Structure formats: C-alpha cells, structure tokens
Protein backbone atom coordinates (compact mmCIF):
# COMPACT_ATOMS: atom_id res chain seq x y z
CA MET A 1 -8.83 32.35 36.75
CA SER A 2 -9.24 35.11 34.18
CA VAL A 3 -10.86 34.68 30.78
CA THR A 4 -7.47 35.16 29.06
CA ARG A 5 -5.84 32.42 31.15
CA THR A 6 -8.77 30.07 30.52
CA ARG A 7 -8.51 30.60 26.74
CA ALA A 8 -4.74 30.10 26.89
CA ALA A 9 -5.17 26.87 28.86
CA ARG A 10 -7.76 25.60 26.37
CA THR A 11 -5.50 26.50 23.45
CA LEU A 12 -2.54 24.67 25.02
CA THR A 13 -4.73 21.65 25.74
CA ALA A 14 -5.97 21.61 22.13
CA LEU A 15 -2.40 21.89 20.83
CA ALA A 16 -1.24 19.05 23.09
CA LEU A 17 -4.13 16.82 21.99
CA GLY A 18 -3.45 17.62 18.34
CA ALA A 19 0.26 16.82 18.71
CA SER A 20 -0.59 13.58 20.49
CA ALA A 21 -2.98 12.57 17.71
CA ALA A 22 -0.37 13.40 15.06
CA LEU A 23 2.23 11.26 16.82
CA THR A 24 -0.20 8.37 17.13
CA THR A 25 -1.08 8.57 13.44
CA THR A 26 2.58 8.73 12.42
CA THR A 27 3.42 5.73 14.56
CA LEU A 28 0.55 3.66 13.18
CA SER A 29 1.38 4.41 9.56
CA ALA A 30 5.06 3.56 10.07
CA THR A 31 4.34 0.15 11.56
CA ALA A 32 4.89 -2.76 9.17
CA ALA A 33 1.80 -4.91 8.70
CA TYR A 34 1.71 -8.60 7.89
CA ALA A 35 -1.70 -10.24 7.78
CA GLY A 36 -2.14 -12.67 10.64
CA GLY A 37 1.59 -13.22 11.10
CA ALA A 38 1.77 -14.97 7.71
CA PRO A 39 5.24 -16.10 6.69
CA ASP A 40 7.13 -13.84 4.31
CA TYR A 41 6.80 -15.74 1.02
CA SER A 42 7.05 -12.82 -1.42
CA THR A 43 9.24 -9.89 -2.44
CA VAL A 44 7.79 -6.93 -4.33
CA THR A 45 9.42 -3.81 -5.75
CA VAL A 46 7.39 -0.82 -6.93
CA ASP A 47 8.53 1.63 -9.62
CA ARG A 48 9.04 5.16 -8.28
CA GLN A 49 6.57 6.62 -10.78
CA ALA A 50 3.00 5.79 -11.72
CA VAL A 51 2.08 7.01 -15.20
CA LEU A 52 -1.18 8.92 -15.69
CA ALA A 53 -2.34 8.86 -19.33
CA GLY A 54 -6.12 8.46 -19.27
CA ASP A 55 -5.70 5.50 -16.91
CA VAL A 56 -2.97 5.12 -14.31
CA THR A 57 -0.27 2.45 -14.70
CA LEU A 58 2.05 1.19 -11.97
CA GLY A 59 4.52 -1.68 -12.04
CA GLY A 60 7.62 -3.24 -10.56
CA THR A 61 9.01 -6.71 -9.94
CA TYR A 62 7.94 -9.62 -7.77
CA SER A 63 9.03 -13.03 -6.64
CA CYS A 64 6.82 -15.36 -4.63
CA THR A 65 6.52 -18.97 -3.60
CA VAL A 66 3.55 -21.06 -2.59
CA PRO A 67 3.41 -21.27 1.23
CA ASP A 68 3.16 -25.05 1.04
CA ALA A 69 6.13 -27.44 0.88
CA ALA A 70 4.17 -30.00 -1.19
CA THR A 71 3.61 -27.55 -4.06
CA THR A 72 6.46 -25.94 -6.02
CA SER A 73 4.44 -23.30 -7.87
CA GLY A 74 0.98 -21.88 -8.12
CA PRO A 75 -1.14 -18.88 -9.03
CA GLY A 76 -1.18 -15.70 -6.99
CA THR A 77 -2.42 -12.12 -7.12
CA ILE A 78 -0.81 -8.74 -6.56
CA GLY A 79 -3.34 -6.09 -5.57
CA VAL A 80 -2.63 -2.39 -5.07
CA GLU A 81 -4.47 0.72 -4.02
CA LEU A 82 -3.13 4.20 -4.84
CA VAL A 83 -4.26 6.94 -2.47
CA MET A 84 -3.57 10.66 -2.80
CA ARG A 85 -3.69 13.23 -0.02
CA SER A 86 -6.82 14.70 -1.63
CA GLY A 87 -8.60 11.41 -0.98
CA ALA A 88 -8.57 10.36 -4.64
CA THR A 89 -8.02 6.63 -4.92
CA THR A 90 -7.92 3.80 -7.43
CA SER A 91 -7.13 0.13 -7.18
CA GLY A 92 -6.35 -2.85 -9.34
CA SER A 93 -4.91 -6.34 -9.32
CA VAL A 94 -3.00 -8.68 -11.58
CA ALA A 95 -2.62 -12.47 -11.64
CA VAL A 96 0.93 -13.71 -11.07
CA VAL A 97 2.81 -17.03 -11.07
CA CYS A 98 4.47 -17.94 -7.77
CA ASP A 99 7.44 -20.24 -8.40
CA GLY A 100 10.35 -18.27 -6.93
CA THR A 101 11.26 -16.58 -10.23
CA THR A 102 11.61 -12.77 -10.32
CA ARG A 103 9.26 -11.27 -12.91
CA GLY A 104 7.77 -7.91 -13.81
CA TRP A 105 4.22 -6.88 -12.90
CA ARG A 106 2.08 -4.04 -14.24
CA ILE A 107 -1.38 -2.85 -13.26
CA THR A 108 -3.46 -0.35 -15.22
CA ALA A 109 -6.51 1.03 -13.44
CA PRO A 110 -9.05 3.82 -14.05
CA ALA A 111 -7.54 7.14 -12.96
CA GLY A 112 -10.81 8.53 -11.64
CA SER A 113 -9.91 11.83 -9.94
CA LEU A 114 -6.20 10.99 -9.48
CA GLY A 115 -3.90 13.75 -10.62
CA PRO A 116 -0.16 14.33 -10.74
CA GLY A 117 1.63 14.32 -7.39
CA ARG A 118 2.57 12.04 -4.54
CA ALA A 119 0.50 8.90 -3.89
CA TRP A 120 0.71 6.15 -1.32
CA VAL A 121 0.66 2.55 -2.47
CA HIS A 122 -0.94 -0.05 -0.24
CA GLY A 123 -0.50 -3.49 -1.74
CA HIS A 124 -0.60 -7.18 -1.05
CA VAL A 125 0.47 -10.49 -2.51
CA GLU A 126 -1.88 -13.41 -1.97
CA VAL A 127 -1.17 -17.05 -2.81
CA THR A 128 -3.51 -19.95 -2.15
CA ASP A 129 -1.91 -23.03 -0.58
CA SER A 130 -3.01 -26.64 -1.15
CA ALA A 131 -5.36 -26.46 1.87
CA GLY A 132 -7.27 -23.55 0.31
CA ASN A 133 -5.90 -20.90 2.71
CA THR A 134 -4.97 -17.57 1.16
CA PRO A 135 -2.48 -15.71 3.36
CA TRP A 136 -1.42 -12.18 2.38
CA ASN A 137 1.92 -10.40 2.56
CA VAL A 138 1.41 -6.63 2.71
CA PHE A 139 3.62 -3.84 1.33
CA ASP A 140 3.41 -0.04 1.54
CA THR A 141 5.40 2.67 -0.23
CA SER A 142 4.92 6.01 -1.97
CA VAL A 143 5.23 6.94 -5.65
CA THR A 144 5.01 10.04 -7.80
CA VAL A 145 2.12 10.11 -10.26
CA VAL A 146 3.29 11.78 -13.49
CA ARG A 147 1.13 12.83 -16.45
CA ARG A 148 2.17 11.54 -19.87
CA GLY A 149 0.52 11.72 -23.27
C-alpha cells in the first residue's frame, strides 16, 4: 500500500470515528432523564430568555405535588445550572411549595463569565416525602441569555 493510500485510509477512519462519536453524543443528550425512575410529580416551564444584568436571572412556572399520598403539600426545591458552549456556567436554586398549584419561580445567580448567547439549562425539582426520601424530576432546555441594563 502506498503512503498516499495509507494516509487516505487513516483520514477516512478518523472521520468515521469522529462521526460515530458525534452521533453518540447527540443521542445521549437527546435522551430524557428521570432520576431513578421517580414518578413524574412536577411540571416546570422555563422562560425563553435569561437576563444578564450584573447577575443572571431565569424564571418560569412550576407545579408540583408531594410524592406521598398521606401528605397534601410540602416544601421543595427547583435547582438549575446554565451552561454555555464556551464552558461558562452558573447555578442556583429556589425553595418552592409543592401543593399542585401553578406558581412562578425565579432564580438569580452570579453571572461569572456568562455572556450573551445561547445557554443550556439543566434543572431538577426535588420534594422530600414523609419517609425522608428526596426523588428528583429532571428537565433540560435551552435559553437565550440577553444583556440588559
């Protein structure tokens, strides 16, 4: 085999491996994740924009119930992490009331090195049941970070 054919074969192999890795990554990120098969006890919406004005603020609506038939309401937490393609990240959480009512939520966190642009939101709702277990429901979406002020 000539040197040119060997280089071409190596290039094609590298391209095939790269394409395979890209497909694997795409498939993994598109898969819905629920922690430990926990029941779906919450609904969360996320505003399309996060506002960057010194800190970064993100919000939306939520509704959740306590995963325990003996309890009609209880405390919970919504936690989010914003991640930009550059690797910049920030996170925050807010206490919520889980009684089946739809309410607004808002988290303000240090912006760090976040800038304007597209960011991915990885979030969860956690509610402690009467046995002390804290199952999570997970949500993922993307938002646009806009600078204001």
